[in-house]
Amino acid sequence: MQIVVILIILTICIVFIVYTQLYTCINNCNYYPKYKWSQYYK
């Protein structure tokens, strides 16, 4: 029973980490190319 609880906690942590990584990546991908292009054109 304890193993199941540990597995559930681990999966929740992994899902949370992946979700936050994806969220920051989406925000950066929306913002970063404009910044990069403006750097290139200077």
N, C-alpha and C. Protein backbone atom coordinates (compact mmCIF):
# COMPACT_ATOMS: atom_id res chain seq x y z
N MET A 1 0.84 -1.21 0.00
CA MET A 1 0.00 0.00 0.00
C MET A 1 0.87 1.25 0.00
N GLN A 2 1.94 1.23 0.76
CA GLN A 2 2.80 2.41 0.81
C GLN A 2 3.47 2.65 -0.54
N ILE A 3 3.79 1.57 -1.24
CA ILE A 3 4.42 1.71 -2.56
C ILE A 3 3.47 2.43 -3.51
N VAL A 4 2.20 2.12 -3.43
CA VAL A 4 1.21 2.77 -4.31
C VAL A 4 1.15 4.26 -4.02
N VAL A 5 1.17 4.62 -2.76
CA VAL A 5 1.12 6.04 -2.38
C VAL A 5 2.37 6.75 -2.90
N ILE A 6 3.52 6.13 -2.75
CA ILE A 6 4.77 6.72 -3.23
C ILE A 6 4.71 6.90 -4.75
N LEU A 7 4.19 5.91 -5.44
CA LEU A 7 4.09 6.01 -6.90
C LEU A 7 3.14 7.14 -7.30
N ILE A 8 2.04 7.27 -6.62
CA ILE A 8 1.09 8.34 -6.93
C ILE A 8 1.73 9.71 -6.72
N ILE A 9 2.44 9.85 -5.62
CA ILE A 9 3.11 11.13 -5.33
C ILE A 9 4.16 11.42 -6.40
N LEU A 10 4.91 10.40 -6.79
CA LEU A 10 5.95 10.59 -7.81
C LEU A 10 5.33 11.01 -9.14
N THR A 11 4.27 10.34 -9.53
CA THR A 11 3.64 10.69 -10.81
C THR A 11 3.08 12.11 -10.77
N ILE A 12 2.50 12.51 -9.66
CA ILE A 12 1.98 13.87 -9.53
C ILE A 12 3.12 14.88 -9.65
N CYS A 13 4.23 14.59 -9.00
CA CYS A 13 5.39 15.49 -9.08
C CYS A 13 5.90 15.58 -10.51
N ILE A 14 6.00 14.44 -11.18
CA ILE A 14 6.52 14.44 -12.55
C ILE A 14 5.58 15.21 -13.47
N VAL A 15 4.29 14.98 -13.33
CA VAL A 15 3.31 15.70 -14.16
C VAL A 15 3.40 17.20 -13.90
N PHE A 16 3.53 17.57 -12.64
CA PHE A 16 3.63 18.99 -12.30
C PHE A 16 4.88 19.61 -12.92
N ILE A 17 6.02 18.91 -12.82
CA ILE A 17 7.27 19.43 -13.38
C ILE A 17 7.15 19.56 -14.90
N VAL A 18 6.62 18.52 -15.55
CA VAL A 18 6.49 18.57 -17.01
C VAL A 18 5.55 19.70 -17.41
N TYR A 19 4.46 19.87 -16.68
CA TYR A 19 3.49 20.92 -17.00
C TYR A 19 4.13 22.30 -16.88
N THR A 20 4.87 22.54 -15.80
CA THR A 20 5.50 23.85 -15.63
C THR A 20 6.56 24.07 -16.71
N GLN A 21 7.32 23.02 -17.05
CA GLN A 21 8.32 23.15 -18.10
C GLN A 21 7.66 23.52 -19.43
N LEU A 22 6.58 22.82 -19.76
CA LEU A 22 5.88 23.11 -21.01
C LEU A 22 5.32 24.53 -20.99
N TYR A 23 4.76 24.94 -19.88
CA TYR A 23 4.17 26.28 -19.79
C TYR A 23 5.23 27.35 -20.01
N THR A 24 6.38 27.22 -19.34
CA THR A 24 7.45 28.20 -19.52
C THR A 24 7.98 28.14 -20.94
N CYS A 25 8.07 26.94 -21.52
CA CYS A 25 8.58 26.81 -22.89
C CYS A 25 7.63 27.51 -23.86
N ILE A 26 6.34 27.35 -23.67
CA ILE A 26 5.37 27.99 -24.57
C ILE A 26 5.49 29.51 -24.44
N ASN A 27 5.62 30.00 -23.23
CA ASN A 27 5.77 31.45 -23.04
C ASN A 27 7.06 31.94 -23.69
N ASN A 28 8.15 31.20 -23.50
CA ASN A 28 9.43 31.60 -24.08
C ASN A 28 9.38 31.52 -25.60
N CYS A 29 8.75 30.47 -26.12
CA CYS A 29 8.69 30.32 -27.58
C CYS A 29 7.87 31.45 -28.19
N ASN A 30 6.86 31.92 -27.52
CA ASN A 30 6.07 33.04 -28.03
C ASN A 30 6.87 34.34 -27.96
N TYR A 31 7.72 34.46 -26.97
CA TYR A 31 8.44 35.72 -26.75
C TYR A 31 9.82 35.72 -27.41
N TYR A 32 10.48 34.57 -27.36
CA TYR A 32 11.91 34.54 -27.71
C TYR A 32 12.19 34.85 -29.18
N PRO A 33 11.45 34.31 -30.16
CA PRO A 33 11.81 34.58 -31.55
C PRO A 33 11.80 36.06 -31.90
N LYS A 34 10.85 36.81 -31.38
CA LYS A 34 10.83 38.25 -31.64
C LYS A 34 12.10 38.90 -31.10
N TYR A 35 12.48 38.49 -29.89
CA TYR A 35 13.69 39.04 -29.29
C TYR A 35 14.91 38.69 -30.13
N LYS A 36 14.96 37.43 -30.59
CA LYS A 36 16.10 36.99 -31.39
C LYS A 36 16.17 37.76 -32.70
N TRP A 37 15.03 37.91 -33.36
CA TRP A 37 15.04 38.61 -34.64
C TRP A 37 15.44 40.07 -34.45
N SER A 38 14.96 40.69 -33.41
CA SER A 38 15.34 42.09 -33.19
C SER A 38 16.84 42.19 -32.90
N GLN A 39 17.40 41.17 -32.26
CA GLN A 39 18.85 41.16 -32.05
C GLN A 39 19.58 41.03 -33.38
N TYR A 40 19.07 40.17 -34.27
CA TYR A 40 19.74 39.97 -35.55
C TYR A 40 19.73 41.24 -36.39
N TYR A 41 18.64 41.97 -36.35
CA TYR A 41 18.50 43.11 -37.25
C TYR A 41 19.21 44.35 -36.75
N LYS A 42 19.69 44.32 -35.53
CA LYS A 42 20.40 45.50 -35.03
C LYS A 42 21.80 45.60 -35.64
